[in-house]
Amino acid sequence: MPESEDLLALLNICEIESSNTPVLFSVLGSPDKFYRSFKIPKRNGGFRVIDSPYPSLEIIQRSILRNVLSNFPAHPNAYAFIKGRNAITHASHHLACRELITLDIKDFFPSITRQMVIDALIENGLANGVANYISLLCCLNGTLPQGACTSPALSNLVFERIDERLSRLAKTLKLKYSRYADDLAFSGDAIPRDMPQLIERILESRDLKLNKEKIRLKIAGAKKIITGVSISSGTLKAPREFKRLLRTQIYELEKNIDDISQMRSFDPLVYERVLGRLNYLLQIEPKNAFALQKKASLSQHHQRFLALSSGQWPALFPDADLAA
C-alpha cells in the first residue's frame, strides 16, 4: 500500500482532524521535539524519568487511544490500565492462597520497543503501514515513553502473548497468575522454588528482564500483600501501615480544622488527598467503620477546604487575622 494511502487510513481509523495533520507530519519527522522530560522521585530512592508529550501531540495520541487502542480486548489476567480492573481486583484474584510469589519486570516501559508495538498492532489486524505510523506517533527513541497516554494500552497489547504464556505456565503448575503493569503474581498451594527461573526464560525470549531485587516468596502463614492490598486474612484489607499513616493525617487535619491562622500554613490540597485515601480504604474495606465515620465527619468541612484551595477563604472567614 503506498505511503499516502497508509496515512489516509491512519487519519480515518484514528479520526484525526485535518487541522492536526501538520503536527502529525512534524511528529513523524522528529518525534523527540514534541516531548518534555522531567524526573520524579521513586518511593524507594532514585528517580523515574517521565517523557510527557506536548498538547499538540497529546491530542493525536488521545485520538489513537480512543479510536484504536481502546477497541482491542485485554488479556483476562491483566489488571492495570483496564476499565473495571484495578489493584484491588488484581489482589482479589489471589485471595485464600497458601503460597504467593511476586516479581517485577525491570524497566517496564523502556523495555517495550517500537518493533514490539508494530508487531502487536499487526497481530491485532492493523495494516503494516498504519501500525508503523502509530508506533512513530506513540514511541520516543525507539521505546514507549512513560508519560504518554497511549503507553499503558500499548503495553497491555504487547504483553498479550506473554500473559498467555505465563498463564499456561501457571495452569501447568496448578497456580493462579495475574499481572498489574510490571508486577507479576503467582499463587497456589505450592510455588516451585525455581519459579523465578521459569518466568525469566519466558521474559528473556522477548528481551525482557526480571528485577531480581524485587522477587518475594511468601509461604503459608506469612504476611501477603499484592499491589498495596493485604490478602493475608483471606479477605481484602488495607495494610496496617497505610491505616496508621491515614489515622495520623486525619488527626492532624481535625486538630487544626478550626484554627484559621494554622490552616494558612497547610497544603490547600491536603483535604483532597486525605479524602482520596479514605475512599481508597473504603474500596478495599467497604464496611470499615472508622473510614465511614471520618469521611462523613470531614465532608462537613468540604466548602471550607474548597475555599482554601481556591484562595477564597478570607471571604468565608472575614474575622480571620490576615496578618497571621
Protein backbone atom coordinates (compact mmCIF):
# COMPACT_ATOMS: atom_id res chain seq x y z
CA MET A 1 0.00 0.00 0.00
CA PRO A 2 1.51 3.39 -0.93
CA GLU A 3 2.52 5.67 1.93
CA SER A 4 -0.17 8.23 1.07
CA GLU A 5 -2.84 5.55 1.39
CA ASP A 6 -1.41 4.44 4.73
CA LEU A 7 -1.59 8.00 6.02
CA LEU A 8 -5.15 8.38 4.79
CA ALA A 9 -6.08 5.12 6.50
CA LEU A 10 -4.42 6.35 9.70
CA LEU A 11 -6.39 9.61 9.63
CA ASN A 12 -9.65 7.75 9.04
CA ILE A 13 -9.12 4.99 11.60
CA CYS A 14 -7.92 7.36 14.32
CA GLU A 15 -10.39 10.12 13.37
CA ILE A 16 -7.59 12.67 13.46
CA GLU A 17 -8.91 16.09 12.46
CA SER A 18 -7.44 17.69 9.37
CA SER A 19 -6.29 20.67 11.46
CA ASN A 20 -3.88 18.33 13.24
CA THR A 21 -2.25 16.89 10.12
CA PRO A 22 0.63 19.45 10.07
CA VAL A 23 1.53 18.38 13.61
CA LEU A 24 1.24 14.73 12.59
CA PHE A 25 3.74 15.20 9.76
CA SER A 26 6.12 17.08 12.07
CA VAL A 27 5.96 14.34 14.71
CA LEU A 28 6.61 11.63 12.13
CA GLY A 29 9.75 13.52 11.15
CA SER A 30 11.06 14.48 14.61
CA PRO A 31 9.08 12.92 17.47
CA ASP A 32 11.69 13.91 20.09
CA LYS A 33 10.81 17.59 19.58
CA PHE A 34 7.29 17.03 20.92
CA TYR A 35 8.15 15.84 24.43
CA ARG A 36 9.39 17.43 27.62
CA SER A 37 11.28 15.27 30.09
CA PHE A 38 11.47 15.56 33.86
CA LYS A 39 12.28 13.37 36.85
CA ILE A 40 10.11 12.36 39.78
CA PRO A 41 11.45 10.64 42.91
CA LYS A 42 10.73 6.95 43.46
CA ARG A 43 9.40 5.81 46.82
CA ASN A 44 12.44 3.61 47.39
CA GLY A 45 15.04 6.10 46.20
CA GLY A 46 16.30 7.19 42.80
CA PHE A 47 14.29 8.90 40.10
CA ARG A 48 11.87 7.94 37.35
CA VAL A 49 12.12 9.78 34.01
CA ILE A 50 8.78 11.00 32.66
CA ASP A 51 8.52 11.94 28.98
CA SER A 52 5.36 13.99 28.63
CA PRO A 53 4.05 14.89 25.15
CA TYR A 54 3.23 18.47 24.31
CA PRO A 55 -0.52 19.18 23.94
CA SER A 56 -0.32 19.16 20.13
CA LEU A 57 0.94 15.56 20.13
CA GLU A 58 -1.23 14.52 23.07
CA ILE A 59 -4.37 15.39 21.07
CA ILE A 60 -3.28 12.95 18.35
CA GLN A 61 -2.34 10.26 20.87
CA ARG A 62 -5.72 10.57 22.58
CA SER A 63 -7.41 10.06 19.20
CA ILE A 64 -5.35 6.89 18.70
CA LEU A 65 -6.21 5.68 22.20
CA ARG A 66 -9.93 6.42 21.86
CA ASN A 67 -10.48 5.14 18.33
CA VAL A 68 -7.98 2.28 18.02
CA LEU A 69 -6.34 1.02 21.20
CA SER A 70 -9.48 1.01 23.36
CA ASN A 71 -11.09 -1.42 20.89
CA PHE A 72 -8.55 -4.18 21.48
CA PRO A 73 -9.51 -6.77 24.13
CA ALA A 74 -7.21 -7.15 27.12
CA HIS A 75 -5.92 -10.46 28.41
CA PRO A 76 -8.13 -11.70 31.29
CA ASN A 77 -5.13 -11.89 33.63
CA ALA A 78 -4.02 -8.29 33.00
CA TYR A 79 -5.40 -5.86 35.58
CA ALA A 80 -3.73 -2.47 35.03
CA PHE A 81 -4.99 0.33 32.76
CA ILE A 82 -8.27 -1.50 32.05
CA LYS A 83 -11.77 -0.25 32.85
CA GLY A 84 -13.33 -2.28 35.65
CA ARG A 85 -10.00 -3.71 36.79
CA ASN A 86 -7.55 -2.23 39.28
CA ALA A 87 -5.04 -3.03 42.01
CA ILE A 88 -7.86 -4.26 44.25
CA THR A 89 -9.36 -6.70 41.73
CA HIS A 90 -5.81 -7.81 40.98
CA ALA A 91 -5.25 -8.67 44.64
CA SER A 92 -8.63 -10.42 44.93
CA HIS A 93 -7.50 -12.86 42.22
CA HIS A 94 -5.17 -14.42 44.80
CA LEU A 95 -7.39 -14.50 47.89
CA ALA A 96 -7.13 -17.56 50.13
CA CYS A 97 -3.84 -18.68 48.58
CA ARG A 98 -1.39 -20.73 50.62
CA GLU A 99 1.76 -19.51 48.91
CA LEU A 100 2.46 -16.43 46.81
CA ILE A 101 5.35 -15.16 44.72
CA THR A 102 5.50 -11.61 43.38
CA LEU A 103 8.01 -10.40 40.80
CA ASP A 104 8.77 -7.17 38.98
CA ILE A 105 9.69 -6.60 35.33
CA LYS A 106 12.77 -4.40 35.10
CA ASP A 107 12.44 -1.05 33.26
CA PHE A 108 8.92 -1.84 32.12
CA PHE A 109 8.05 0.90 29.59
CA PRO A 110 11.63 1.47 28.31
CA SER A 111 11.89 -2.29 27.62
CA ILE A 112 8.94 -2.22 25.21
CA THR A 113 10.42 -1.40 21.82
CA ARG A 114 8.86 0.22 18.80
CA GLN A 115 9.18 -3.07 16.89
CA MET A 116 7.23 -4.86 19.64
CA VAL A 117 4.49 -2.24 19.24
CA ILE A 118 4.41 -2.67 15.45
CA ASP A 119 4.22 -6.47 15.74
CA ALA A 120 1.41 -6.31 18.32
CA LEU A 121 -0.65 -3.88 16.22
CA ILE A 122 -0.24 -6.04 13.10
CA GLU A 123 -1.19 -9.18 15.06
CA ASN A 124 -4.38 -7.38 16.05
CA GLY A 125 -5.37 -6.64 12.47
CA LEU A 126 -3.85 -3.29 11.53
CA ALA A 127 -2.13 -2.84 8.18
CA ASN A 128 1.67 -2.75 8.30
CA GLY A 129 1.89 0.87 7.24
CA VAL A 130 -0.73 2.07 9.73
CA ALA A 131 0.96 0.11 12.53
CA ASN A 132 4.27 1.71 11.59
CA TYR A 133 2.82 5.25 11.72
CA ILE A 134 1.09 4.64 15.06
CA SER A 135 4.38 3.36 16.50
CA LEU A 136 6.13 6.54 15.36
CA LEU A 137 3.43 8.70 16.94
CA CYS A 138 3.46 6.78 20.23
CA CYS A 139 7.14 5.88 20.75
CA LEU A 140 10.12 8.01 21.70
CA ASN A 141 13.71 7.00 20.98
CA GLY A 142 12.51 3.55 19.96
CA THR A 143 10.57 2.67 23.13
CA LEU A 144 7.33 3.50 24.93
CA PRO A 145 7.58 6.83 26.77
CA GLN A 146 6.42 6.84 30.37
CA GLY A 147 4.08 9.82 30.30
CA ALA A 148 2.20 9.28 27.02
CA CYS A 149 -1.48 8.36 27.38
CA THR A 150 -1.08 5.58 24.80
CA SER A 151 1.76 3.75 26.58
CA PRO A 152 -0.37 1.83 29.13
CA ALA A 153 -2.74 0.42 26.47
CA LEU A 154 0.14 -0.42 24.13
CA SER A 155 1.99 -2.18 26.95
CA ASN A 156 -1.02 -4.44 27.56
CA LEU A 157 -1.26 -5.13 23.83
CA VAL A 158 2.43 -6.07 23.61
CA PHE A 159 2.15 -8.25 26.70
CA GLU A 160 -0.89 -10.17 25.47
CA ARG A 161 1.19 -13.10 24.19
CA ILE A 162 3.49 -13.02 27.22
CA ASP A 163 0.46 -13.05 29.53
CA GLU A 164 -0.84 -16.08 27.66
CA ARG A 165 2.45 -17.95 28.02
CA LEU A 166 2.67 -17.11 31.73
CA SER A 167 -0.97 -18.17 32.16
CA ARG A 168 -0.22 -21.54 30.56
CA LEU A 169 2.80 -21.97 32.81
CA ALA A 170 0.63 -21.24 35.85
CA LYS A 171 -2.04 -23.69 34.71
CA THR A 172 0.55 -26.44 34.23
CA LEU A 173 1.76 -25.88 37.80
CA LYS A 174 -1.81 -25.57 39.18
CA LEU A 175 -1.25 -21.93 40.09
CA LYS A 176 -3.08 -18.65 39.54
CA TYR A 177 -1.38 -15.86 37.57
CA SER A 178 -2.04 -12.15 37.18
CA ARG A 179 -0.17 -9.03 36.06
CA TYR A 180 -0.61 -5.43 37.15
CA ALA A 181 1.59 -3.38 34.78
CA ASP A 182 5.12 -4.55 35.67
CA ASP A 183 4.04 -6.54 38.76
CA LEU A 184 3.63 -10.29 38.28
CA ALA A 185 1.92 -12.54 40.83
CA PHE A 186 1.56 -16.32 41.05
CA SER A 187 -0.25 -18.12 43.85
CA GLY A 188 -1.33 -21.61 44.84
CA ASP A 189 -0.78 -24.42 47.30
CA ALA A 190 2.91 -24.80 46.46
CA ILE A 191 5.17 -22.46 44.46
CA PRO A 192 8.10 -24.28 42.80
CA ARG A 193 11.34 -22.87 44.19
CA ASP A 194 12.71 -22.47 40.67
CA MET A 195 9.70 -20.34 39.68
CA PRO A 196 11.78 -17.17 39.01
CA GLN A 197 13.94 -19.07 36.52
CA LEU A 198 10.87 -20.48 34.73
CA ILE A 199 9.38 -16.99 34.41
CA GLU A 200 12.70 -15.47 33.38
CA ARG A 201 13.02 -17.84 30.42
CA ILE A 202 9.67 -16.66 29.06
CA LEU A 203 10.51 -12.99 29.58
CA GLU A 204 14.00 -13.25 28.11
CA SER A 205 12.57 -14.78 24.94
CA ARG A 206 11.10 -11.28 24.40
CA ASP A 207 14.23 -9.44 25.61
CA LEU A 208 12.63 -8.59 28.97
CA LYS A 209 14.24 -8.99 32.38
CA LEU A 210 13.16 -9.54 35.96
CA ASN A 211 14.20 -7.12 38.67
CA LYS A 212 15.89 -9.73 40.86
CA GLU A 213 15.88 -7.41 43.87
CA LYS A 214 12.08 -7.44 43.94
CA ILE A 215 11.32 -11.17 43.98
CA ARG A 216 9.23 -12.03 47.05
CA LEU A 217 8.13 -15.55 48.02
CA LYS A 218 5.52 -15.76 50.78
CA ILE A 219 4.90 -19.18 52.28
CA ALA A 220 1.91 -20.34 54.33
CA GLY A 221 1.38 -18.14 57.39
CA ALA A 222 3.45 -15.21 56.08
CA LYS A 223 2.03 -11.73 55.55
CA LYS A 224 0.90 -11.41 51.92
CA ILE A 225 0.47 -8.03 50.21
CA ILE A 226 -0.17 -7.54 46.49
CA THR A 227 -0.15 -4.08 44.86
CA GLY A 228 -0.71 -2.45 48.25
CA VAL A 229 -3.57 -4.73 49.33
CA SER A 230 -3.27 -7.32 52.10
CA ILE A 231 -4.75 -10.77 51.41
CA SER A 232 -3.25 -12.46 54.49
CA SER A 233 -6.54 -12.87 56.37
CA GLY A 234 -8.43 -14.39 53.47
CA THR A 235 -10.30 -11.13 52.91
CA LEU A 236 -9.11 -7.89 51.31
CA LYS A 237 -7.58 -5.50 53.82
CA ALA A 238 -5.60 -2.28 53.59
CA PRO A 239 -2.12 -2.77 55.11
CA ARG A 240 -1.70 -1.68 58.73
CA GLU A 241 0.98 0.84 57.76
CA PHE A 242 -1.45 2.55 55.35
CA LYS A 243 -4.15 2.75 58.04
CA ARG A 244 -1.70 4.03 60.65
CA LEU A 245 -0.50 6.82 58.35
CA LEU A 246 -4.07 7.73 57.40
CA ARG A 247 -5.11 7.95 61.07
CA THR A 248 -2.19 10.31 61.74
CA GLN A 249 -3.09 12.52 58.76
CA ILE A 250 -6.75 12.70 59.81
CA TYR A 251 -5.77 13.52 63.39
CA GLU A 252 -3.56 16.42 62.24
CA LEU A 253 -6.29 17.66 59.92
CA GLU A 254 -9.01 17.57 62.58
CA LYS A 255 -6.74 19.10 65.23
CA ASN A 256 -6.25 22.28 63.17
CA ILE A 257 -9.55 22.41 61.33
CA ASP A 258 -10.94 25.31 63.41
CA ASP A 259 -7.72 27.30 63.62
CA ILE A 260 -7.68 29.51 60.53
CA SER A 261 -4.26 31.01 61.21
CA GLN A 262 -2.89 27.49 61.41
CA MET A 263 -4.84 26.47 58.30
CA ARG A 264 -2.96 29.04 56.26
CA SER A 265 0.22 27.01 56.65
CA PHE A 266 -1.49 23.89 55.33
CA ASP A 267 -1.10 22.48 51.87
CA PRO A 268 -4.53 23.50 50.47
CA LEU A 269 -4.93 20.11 48.79
CA VAL A 270 -4.37 18.13 51.99
CA TYR A 271 -8.12 17.59 52.40
CA GLU A 272 -8.45 16.14 48.88
CA ARG A 273 -5.55 13.78 49.48
CA VAL A 274 -6.91 12.53 52.80
CA LEU A 275 -10.37 12.11 51.31
CA GLY A 276 -8.86 10.20 48.38
CA ARG A 277 -7.11 7.83 50.80
CA LEU A 278 -10.33 7.35 52.76
CA ASN A 279 -12.16 6.49 49.54
CA TYR A 280 -9.40 4.04 48.59
CA LEU A 281 -9.65 2.39 52.01
CA LEU A 282 -13.42 2.06 51.52
CA GLN A 283 -12.86 0.45 48.12
CA ILE A 284 -10.84 -2.24 49.85
CA GLU A 285 -12.95 -2.43 53.02
CA PRO A 286 -16.44 -1.05 52.20
CA LYS A 287 -17.71 -1.62 55.77
CA ASN A 288 -14.75 -0.10 57.61
CA ALA A 289 -16.48 1.83 60.44
CA PHE A 290 -13.57 4.24 61.04
CA ALA A 291 -13.36 5.23 57.36
CA LEU A 292 -17.13 5.68 57.05
CA GLN A 293 -17.30 7.84 60.17
CA LYS A 294 -14.31 10.01 59.25
CA LYS A 295 -15.49 10.51 55.68
CA ALA A 296 -18.87 11.72 56.96
CA SER A 297 -17.17 13.98 59.52
CA LEU A 298 -14.71 15.55 57.08
CA SER A 299 -17.38 16.07 54.41
CA GLN A 300 -18.96 18.67 56.71
CA HIS A 301 -15.90 20.87 56.11
CA HIS A 302 -15.85 20.40 52.33
CA GLN A 303 -16.72 24.02 51.46
CA ARG A 304 -14.08 25.34 53.84
CA PHE A 305 -11.35 23.35 52.13
CA LEU A 306 -12.61 24.27 48.67
CA ALA A 307 -12.30 27.92 49.67
CA LEU A 308 -8.77 27.37 50.94
CA SER A 309 -7.68 25.63 47.76
CA SER A 310 -9.15 28.40 45.58
CA GLY A 311 -7.74 31.25 47.65
CA GLN A 312 -11.21 32.49 48.67
CA TRP A 313 -11.04 31.64 52.37
CA PRO A 314 -10.96 35.28 53.64
CA ALA A 315 -14.45 35.77 52.14
CA LEU A 316 -15.76 32.81 54.14
CA PHE A 317 -13.87 33.77 57.30
CA PRO A 318 -13.86 37.62 57.43
CA ASP A 319 -12.72 37.65 61.06
CA ALA A 320 -9.53 35.75 60.31
CA ASP A 321 -6.27 37.54 61.00
CA LEU A 322 -4.81 38.26 57.55
CA ALA A 323 -1.51 39.25 59.06
CA ALA A 324 -1.06 35.92 60.77
